[in-house]
Amino acid sequence: QVQLVESGGGLVQAGDSLRLSCAASARTFINYAMAWFRQAPGKEREVVAGISRTDSTYYTDSVKGRFTISRDNAKNTVYLQMNSVKPEDTAVYYCAAKLTLYRNNYYTMGSEYDYWGQGTQVTVSS
């Protein structure tokens, strides 16, 4: 069982920056592909960014050029750096982990992930 704990959410103004962190309890964190998802009120959960075991990355179009996903395997932590945030980025952000043998793959569908964090709220005011 892997526990994921997100932190770093909060209330910010449009144009500000925010960094989310997700600490994983996995002993073999390096064997997991990771991702950030978000869910806004009344909307379906969507992938924001994914990262493979070898740091290949994926971003949904709406955050390209503004958000950066990264991982620190020594700290068992994945990050989401959010720059130039917009009111439409307001959502609960979830960290997800998938145990995989494929070092170069990232995954963009929620159903592919094995473990989820409890979520952290990000609210962007205009």
N, C-alpha and C. Protein backbone atom coordinates (compact mmCIF):
# COMPACT_ATOMS: atom_id res chain seq x y z
N GLN A 1 0.84 -1.18 0.00
CA GLN A 1 0.00 0.00 0.00
C GLN A 1 0.88 1.25 0.00
N VAL A 2 0.56 2.19 -0.85
CA VAL A 2 1.32 3.43 -0.95
C VAL A 2 0.42 4.58 -0.51
N GLN A 3 0.95 5.40 0.35
CA GLN A 3 0.22 6.59 0.78
C GLN A 3 0.82 7.81 0.09
N LEU A 4 -0.06 8.68 -0.39
CA LEU A 4 0.35 9.92 -1.05
C LEU A 4 -0.24 11.08 -0.28
N VAL A 5 0.59 12.04 0.05
CA VAL A 5 0.14 13.19 0.83
C VAL A 5 0.51 14.47 0.08
N GLU A 6 -0.52 15.19 -0.36
CA GLU A 6 -0.29 16.44 -1.08
C GLU A 6 -0.22 17.61 -0.11
N SER A 7 0.49 18.63 -0.53
CA SER A 7 0.56 19.87 0.24
C SER A 7 0.86 21.02 -0.71
N GLY A 8 0.66 22.24 -0.22
CA GLY A 8 1.03 23.41 -1.00
C GLY A 8 -0.12 24.17 -1.61
N GLY A 9 -1.33 23.66 -1.47
CA GLY A 9 -2.47 24.38 -2.03
C GLY A 9 -2.80 25.62 -1.22
N GLY A 10 -3.71 26.41 -1.75
CA GLY A 10 -4.12 27.61 -1.04
C GLY A 10 -4.86 28.57 -1.94
N LEU A 11 -5.04 29.79 -1.41
CA LEU A 11 -5.71 30.86 -2.14
C LEU A 11 -4.66 31.82 -2.69
N VAL A 12 -4.67 32.01 -3.98
CA VAL A 12 -3.72 32.91 -4.63
C VAL A 12 -4.47 33.79 -5.62
N GLN A 13 -3.78 34.83 -6.09
CA GLN A 13 -4.37 35.72 -7.07
C GLN A 13 -3.91 35.31 -8.48
N ALA A 14 -4.70 35.67 -9.45
CA ALA A 14 -4.33 35.40 -10.83
C ALA A 14 -2.95 35.99 -11.12
N GLY A 15 -2.13 35.19 -11.81
CA GLY A 15 -0.78 35.62 -12.14
C GLY A 15 0.27 35.17 -11.14
N ASP A 16 -0.15 34.71 -9.98
CA ASP A 16 0.78 34.26 -8.95
C ASP A 16 1.34 32.88 -9.29
N SER A 17 2.28 32.44 -8.45
CA SER A 17 2.87 31.10 -8.57
C SER A 17 2.58 30.29 -7.32
N LEU A 18 2.58 28.97 -7.50
CA LEU A 18 2.28 28.06 -6.40
C LEU A 18 2.99 26.76 -6.70
N ARG A 19 3.51 26.10 -5.67
CA ARG A 19 4.13 24.79 -5.88
C ARG A 19 3.44 23.75 -5.02
N LEU A 20 2.91 22.74 -5.67
CA LEU A 20 2.31 21.61 -4.97
C LEU A 20 3.36 20.52 -4.80
N SER A 21 3.27 19.83 -3.67
CA SER A 21 4.17 18.70 -3.41
C SER A 21 3.33 17.47 -3.09
N CYS A 22 3.87 16.32 -3.42
CA CYS A 22 3.21 15.06 -3.11
C CYS A 22 4.27 14.10 -2.60
N ALA A 23 4.19 13.76 -1.33
CA ALA A 23 5.14 12.84 -0.72
C ALA A 23 4.56 11.44 -0.72
N ALA A 24 5.36 10.48 -1.20
CA ALA A 24 4.91 9.10 -1.31
C ALA A 24 5.62 8.22 -0.30
N SER A 25 4.88 7.23 0.20
CA SER A 25 5.45 6.32 1.19
C SER A 25 6.12 5.12 0.56
N ALA A 26 6.06 5.01 -0.76
CA ALA A 26 6.59 3.84 -1.47
C ALA A 26 8.08 3.69 -1.24
N ARG A 27 8.51 2.47 -0.93
CA ARG A 27 9.93 2.20 -0.75
C ARG A 27 10.66 2.22 -2.08
N THR A 28 9.91 1.93 -3.15
CA THR A 28 10.51 1.88 -4.48
C THR A 28 9.86 2.93 -5.35
N PHE A 29 9.91 4.17 -4.89
CA PHE A 29 9.26 5.28 -5.59
C PHE A 29 9.71 5.37 -7.03
N ILE A 30 10.94 5.00 -7.29
CA ILE A 30 11.47 5.11 -8.64
C ILE A 30 10.74 4.20 -9.62
N ASN A 31 10.01 3.22 -9.12
CA ASN A 31 9.27 2.29 -9.98
C ASN A 31 7.87 2.77 -10.32
N TYR A 32 7.54 3.99 -9.92
CA TYR A 32 6.21 4.53 -10.13
C TYR A 32 6.22 5.68 -11.13
N ALA A 33 5.29 5.63 -12.07
CA ALA A 33 4.95 6.82 -12.84
C ALA A 33 3.99 7.64 -11.99
N MET A 34 4.09 8.95 -12.10
CA MET A 34 3.30 9.85 -11.25
C MET A 34 2.52 10.85 -12.11
N ALA A 35 1.50 11.42 -11.51
CA ALA A 35 0.72 12.42 -12.23
C ALA A 35 -0.02 13.32 -11.25
N TRP A 36 -0.42 14.46 -11.77
CA TRP A 36 -1.33 15.36 -11.08
C TRP A 36 -2.63 15.43 -11.88
N PHE A 37 -3.73 15.29 -11.16
CA PHE A 37 -5.06 15.47 -11.73
C PHE A 37 -5.73 16.62 -10.98
N ARG A 38 -6.81 17.12 -11.54
CA ARG A 38 -7.59 18.13 -10.84
C ARG A 38 -9.08 17.95 -11.14
N GLN A 39 -9.88 18.42 -10.21
CA GLN A 39 -11.33 18.37 -10.40
C GLN A 39 -11.92 19.67 -9.88
N ALA A 40 -12.55 20.39 -10.77
CA ALA A 40 -13.24 21.63 -10.42
C ALA A 40 -14.69 21.30 -10.11
N PRO A 41 -15.36 22.16 -9.35
CA PRO A 41 -16.77 21.92 -9.01
C PRO A 41 -17.62 21.75 -10.26
N GLY A 42 -18.39 20.67 -10.29
CA GLY A 42 -19.28 20.44 -11.40
C GLY A 42 -18.63 19.90 -12.65
N LYS A 43 -17.33 19.63 -12.57
CA LYS A 43 -16.60 19.14 -13.74
C LYS A 43 -15.99 17.78 -13.47
N GLU A 44 -15.65 17.08 -14.52
CA GLU A 44 -14.99 15.79 -14.39
C GLU A 44 -13.51 15.99 -14.04
N ARG A 45 -12.97 14.98 -13.40
CA ARG A 45 -11.55 14.98 -13.11
C ARG A 45 -10.76 14.95 -14.42
N GLU A 46 -9.68 15.71 -14.47
CA GLU A 46 -8.86 15.73 -15.66
C GLU A 46 -7.38 15.66 -15.28
N VAL A 47 -6.61 15.06 -16.19
CA VAL A 47 -5.17 15.02 -15.96
C VAL A 47 -4.59 16.40 -16.21
N VAL A 48 -3.66 16.80 -15.37
CA VAL A 48 -2.97 18.07 -15.54
C VAL A 48 -1.58 17.82 -16.12
N ALA A 49 -0.85 16.89 -15.51
CA ALA A 49 0.51 16.59 -15.95
C ALA A 49 0.89 15.20 -15.47
N GLY A 50 1.76 14.54 -16.24
CA GLY A 50 2.26 13.23 -15.87
C GLY A 50 3.76 13.17 -16.07
N ILE A 51 4.40 12.27 -15.32
CA ILE A 51 5.85 12.11 -15.44
C ILE A 51 6.21 10.64 -15.33
N SER A 52 7.08 10.21 -16.22
CA SER A 52 7.49 8.80 -16.23
C SER A 52 8.61 8.56 -15.23
N ARG A 53 9.02 7.34 -15.15
CA ARG A 53 10.14 6.98 -14.27
C ARG A 53 11.44 7.64 -14.72
N THR A 54 11.51 7.96 -16.00
CA THR A 54 12.72 8.56 -16.56
C THR A 54 12.54 10.04 -16.87
N ASP A 55 11.53 10.66 -16.26
CA ASP A 55 11.29 12.10 -16.35
C ASP A 55 10.72 12.56 -17.69
N SER A 56 10.20 11.65 -18.50
CA SER A 56 9.39 12.10 -19.63
C SER A 56 8.12 12.71 -19.08
N THR A 57 7.66 13.79 -19.72
CA THR A 57 6.52 14.51 -19.15
C THR A 57 5.41 14.72 -20.16
N TYR A 58 4.22 14.91 -19.61
CA TYR A 58 3.02 15.21 -20.40
C TYR A 58 2.29 16.36 -19.71
N TYR A 59 1.72 17.26 -20.51
CA TYR A 59 0.91 18.34 -19.98
C TYR A 59 -0.37 18.47 -20.80
N THR A 60 -1.46 18.72 -20.12
CA THR A 60 -2.66 19.05 -20.84
C THR A 60 -2.48 20.42 -21.47
N ASP A 61 -3.16 20.67 -22.57
CA ASP A 61 -2.91 21.89 -23.35
C ASP A 61 -3.09 23.17 -22.53
N SER A 62 -4.05 23.19 -21.64
CA SER A 62 -4.37 24.42 -20.93
C SER A 62 -3.29 24.87 -19.96
N VAL A 63 -2.34 23.99 -19.63
CA VAL A 63 -1.29 24.36 -18.67
C VAL A 63 0.10 24.38 -19.29
N LYS A 64 0.21 24.01 -20.54
CA LYS A 64 1.53 24.00 -21.20
C LYS A 64 2.16 25.39 -21.15
N GLY A 65 3.44 25.42 -20.78
CA GLY A 65 4.14 26.68 -20.69
C GLY A 65 3.95 27.39 -19.36
N ARG A 66 3.03 26.93 -18.53
CA ARG A 66 2.78 27.56 -17.22
C ARG A 66 3.11 26.62 -16.06
N PHE A 67 2.82 25.33 -16.22
CA PHE A 67 3.03 24.36 -15.14
C PHE A 67 4.21 23.46 -15.48
N THR A 68 4.91 22.99 -14.45
CA THR A 68 6.01 22.06 -14.62
C THR A 68 5.90 20.96 -13.58
N ILE A 69 5.92 19.72 -14.05
CA ILE A 69 5.94 18.58 -13.15
C ILE A 69 7.37 18.08 -13.04
N SER A 70 7.76 17.68 -11.85
CA SER A 70 9.09 17.14 -11.64
C SER A 70 9.04 16.15 -10.49
N ARG A 71 10.11 15.38 -10.35
CA ARG A 71 10.16 14.40 -9.27
C ARG A 71 11.56 14.38 -8.67
N ASP A 72 11.60 14.10 -7.39
CA ASP A 72 12.86 13.93 -6.66
C ASP A 72 12.81 12.54 -6.04
N ASN A 73 13.47 11.59 -6.68
CA ASN A 73 13.39 10.20 -6.22
C ASN A 73 14.07 10.00 -4.87
N ALA A 74 15.04 10.84 -4.56
CA ALA A 74 15.70 10.73 -3.26
C ALA A 74 14.77 11.12 -2.12
N LYS A 75 13.80 11.97 -2.43
CA LYS A 75 12.84 12.44 -1.41
C LYS A 75 11.47 11.80 -1.57
N ASN A 76 11.32 10.89 -2.53
CA ASN A 76 10.02 10.25 -2.78
C ASN A 76 8.92 11.29 -2.97
N THR A 77 9.21 12.30 -3.75
CA THR A 77 8.29 13.42 -3.88
C THR A 77 8.16 13.84 -5.34
N VAL A 78 6.94 14.18 -5.71
CA VAL A 78 6.66 14.76 -7.01
C VAL A 78 6.10 16.15 -6.79
N TYR A 79 6.45 17.06 -7.69
CA TYR A 79 6.06 18.46 -7.55
C TYR A 79 5.25 18.92 -8.76
N LEU A 80 4.46 19.94 -8.54
CA LEU A 80 3.81 20.65 -9.63
C LEU A 80 4.03 22.14 -9.41
N GLN A 81 4.91 22.71 -10.20
CA GLN A 81 5.14 24.16 -10.15
C GLN A 81 4.11 24.82 -11.04
N MET A 82 3.33 25.71 -10.45
CA MET A 82 2.25 26.37 -11.16
C MET A 82 2.58 27.86 -11.25
N ASN A 83 2.82 28.33 -12.44
CA ASN A 83 3.11 29.75 -12.67
C ASN A 83 1.99 30.41 -13.45
N SER A 84 1.87 31.70 -13.32
CA SER A 84 0.85 32.46 -14.06
C SER A 84 -0.52 31.80 -13.94
N VAL A 85 -0.91 31.52 -12.72
CA VAL A 85 -2.17 30.81 -12.52
C VAL A 85 -3.35 31.68 -12.93
N LYS A 86 -4.42 31.00 -13.31
CA LYS A 86 -5.63 31.66 -13.79
C LYS A 86 -6.82 31.20 -12.94
N PRO A 87 -7.89 31.96 -12.91
CA PRO A 87 -9.08 31.52 -12.15
C PRO A 87 -9.57 30.14 -12.59
N GLU A 88 -9.41 29.81 -13.85
CA GLU A 88 -9.85 28.50 -14.32
C GLU A 88 -8.97 27.35 -13.84
N ASP A 89 -7.88 27.65 -13.17
CA ASP A 89 -7.06 26.61 -12.54
C ASP A 89 -7.61 26.21 -11.17
N THR A 90 -8.63 26.90 -10.71
CA THR A 90 -9.23 26.58 -9.42
C THR A 90 -9.80 25.17 -9.43
N ALA A 91 -9.36 24.35 -8.49
CA ALA A 91 -9.80 22.95 -8.43
C ALA A 91 -9.15 22.29 -7.21
N VAL A 92 -9.61 21.09 -6.93
CA VAL A 92 -8.88 20.22 -6.01
C VAL A 92 -7.87 19.44 -6.85
N TYR A 93 -6.62 19.48 -6.42
CA TYR A 93 -5.54 18.82 -7.14
C TYR A 93 -5.16 17.54 -6.43
N TYR A 94 -5.08 16.46 -7.21
CA TYR A 94 -4.78 15.15 -6.68
C TYR A 94 -3.49 14.61 -7.28
N CYS A 95 -2.72 13.97 -6.45
CA CYS A 95 -1.53 13.27 -6.88
C CYS A 95 -1.90 11.79 -7.08
N ALA A 96 -1.31 11.15 -8.08
CA ALA A 96 -1.59 9.75 -8.36
C ALA A 96 -0.30 9.02 -8.71
N ALA A 97 -0.28 7.72 -8.37
CA ALA A 97 0.91 6.90 -8.60
C ALA A 97 0.53 5.59 -9.28
N LYS A 98 1.37 5.17 -10.22
CA LYS A 98 1.15 3.91 -10.93
C LYS A 98 2.44 3.11 -10.94
N LEU A 99 2.40 1.92 -10.37
CA LEU A 99 3.54 1.02 -10.44
C LEU A 99 3.66 0.49 -11.86
N THR A 100 4.83 0.64 -12.47
CA THR A 100 4.98 0.24 -13.85
C THR A 100 6.38 -0.30 -14.13
N LEU A 101 6.44 -1.27 -15.03
CA LEU A 101 7.72 -1.80 -15.47
C LEU A 101 8.31 -0.96 -16.60
N TYR A 102 7.49 -0.12 -17.19
CA TYR A 102 7.89 0.65 -18.37
C TYR A 102 8.48 1.98 -17.94
N ARG A 103 9.77 2.11 -18.06
CA ARG A 103 10.47 3.25 -17.50
C ARG A 103 10.14 4.55 -18.21
N ASN A 104 9.82 4.49 -19.47
CA ASN A 104 9.65 5.71 -20.25
C ASN A 104 8.20 6.14 -20.42
N ASN A 105 7.25 5.39 -19.87
CA ASN A 105 5.84 5.69 -20.07
C ASN A 105 5.29 6.61 -19.00
N TYR A 106 4.48 7.58 -19.44
CA TYR A 106 3.61 8.30 -18.52
C TYR A 106 2.18 7.92 -18.88
N TYR A 107 1.26 8.21 -18.01
CA TYR A 107 -0.12 7.75 -18.16
C TYR A 107 -1.06 8.92 -17.92
N THR A 108 -2.11 9.03 -18.74
CA THR A 108 -2.96 10.21 -18.69
C THR A 108 -4.40 9.92 -18.26
N MET A 109 -4.72 8.66 -18.03
CA MET A 109 -6.08 8.32 -17.62
C MET A 109 -6.11 7.94 -16.14
N GLY A 110 -7.08 8.47 -15.43
CA GLY A 110 -7.17 8.20 -14.01
C GLY A 110 -7.31 6.72 -13.69
N SER A 111 -7.99 5.98 -14.56
CA SER A 111 -8.23 4.56 -14.32
C SER A 111 -6.94 3.75 -14.35
N GLU A 112 -5.87 4.32 -14.88
CA GLU A 112 -4.61 3.61 -14.96
C GLU A 112 -3.81 3.68 -13.65
N TYR A 113 -4.21 4.54 -12.75
CA TYR A 113 -3.42 4.75 -11.55
C TYR A 113 -3.88 3.89 -10.38
N ASP A 114 -2.90 3.50 -9.57
CA ASP A 114 -3.14 2.56 -8.48
C ASP A 114 -3.43 3.26 -7.15
N TYR A 115 -2.82 4.40 -6.94
CA TYR A 115 -2.92 5.08 -5.65
C TYR A 115 -3.19 6.57 -5.87
N TRP A 116 -3.94 7.14 -4.91
CA TRP A 116 -4.34 8.54 -4.97
C TRP A 116 -4.13 9.21 -3.62
N GLY A 117 -3.81 10.49 -3.69
CA GLY A 117 -3.78 11.28 -2.48
C GLY A 117 -5.17 11.81 -2.14
N GLN A 118 -5.23 12.54 -1.04
CA GLN A 118 -6.52 13.04 -0.57
C GLN A 118 -6.92 14.35 -1.25
N GLY A 119 -5.98 14.98 -1.91
CA GLY A 119 -6.28 16.21 -2.63
C GLY A 119 -5.91 17.46 -1.85
N THR A 120 -5.59 18.51 -2.58
CA THR A 120 -5.32 19.81 -1.98
C THR A 120 -6.03 20.88 -2.81
N GLN A 121 -6.68 21.80 -2.13
CA GLN A 121 -7.49 22.81 -2.82
C GLN A 121 -6.60 23.95 -3.31
N VAL A 122 -6.79 24.31 -4.56
CA VAL A 122 -6.15 25.50 -5.13
C VAL A 122 -7.27 26.43 -5.60
N THR A 123 -7.26 27.65 -5.08
CA THR A 123 -8.25 28.63 -5.46
C THR A 123 -7.54 29.87 -6.00
N VAL A 124 -7.90 30.27 -7.20
CA VAL A 124 -7.27 31.42 -7.84
C VAL A 124 -8.32 32.51 -8.00
N SER A 125 -8.07 33.64 -7.37
CA SER A 125 -9.00 34.76 -7.46
C SER A 125 -8.58 35.69 -8.60
N SER A 126 -9.57 36.33 -9.19
CA SER A 126 -9.29 37.21 -10.35
C SER A 126 -9.00 38.62 -9.92
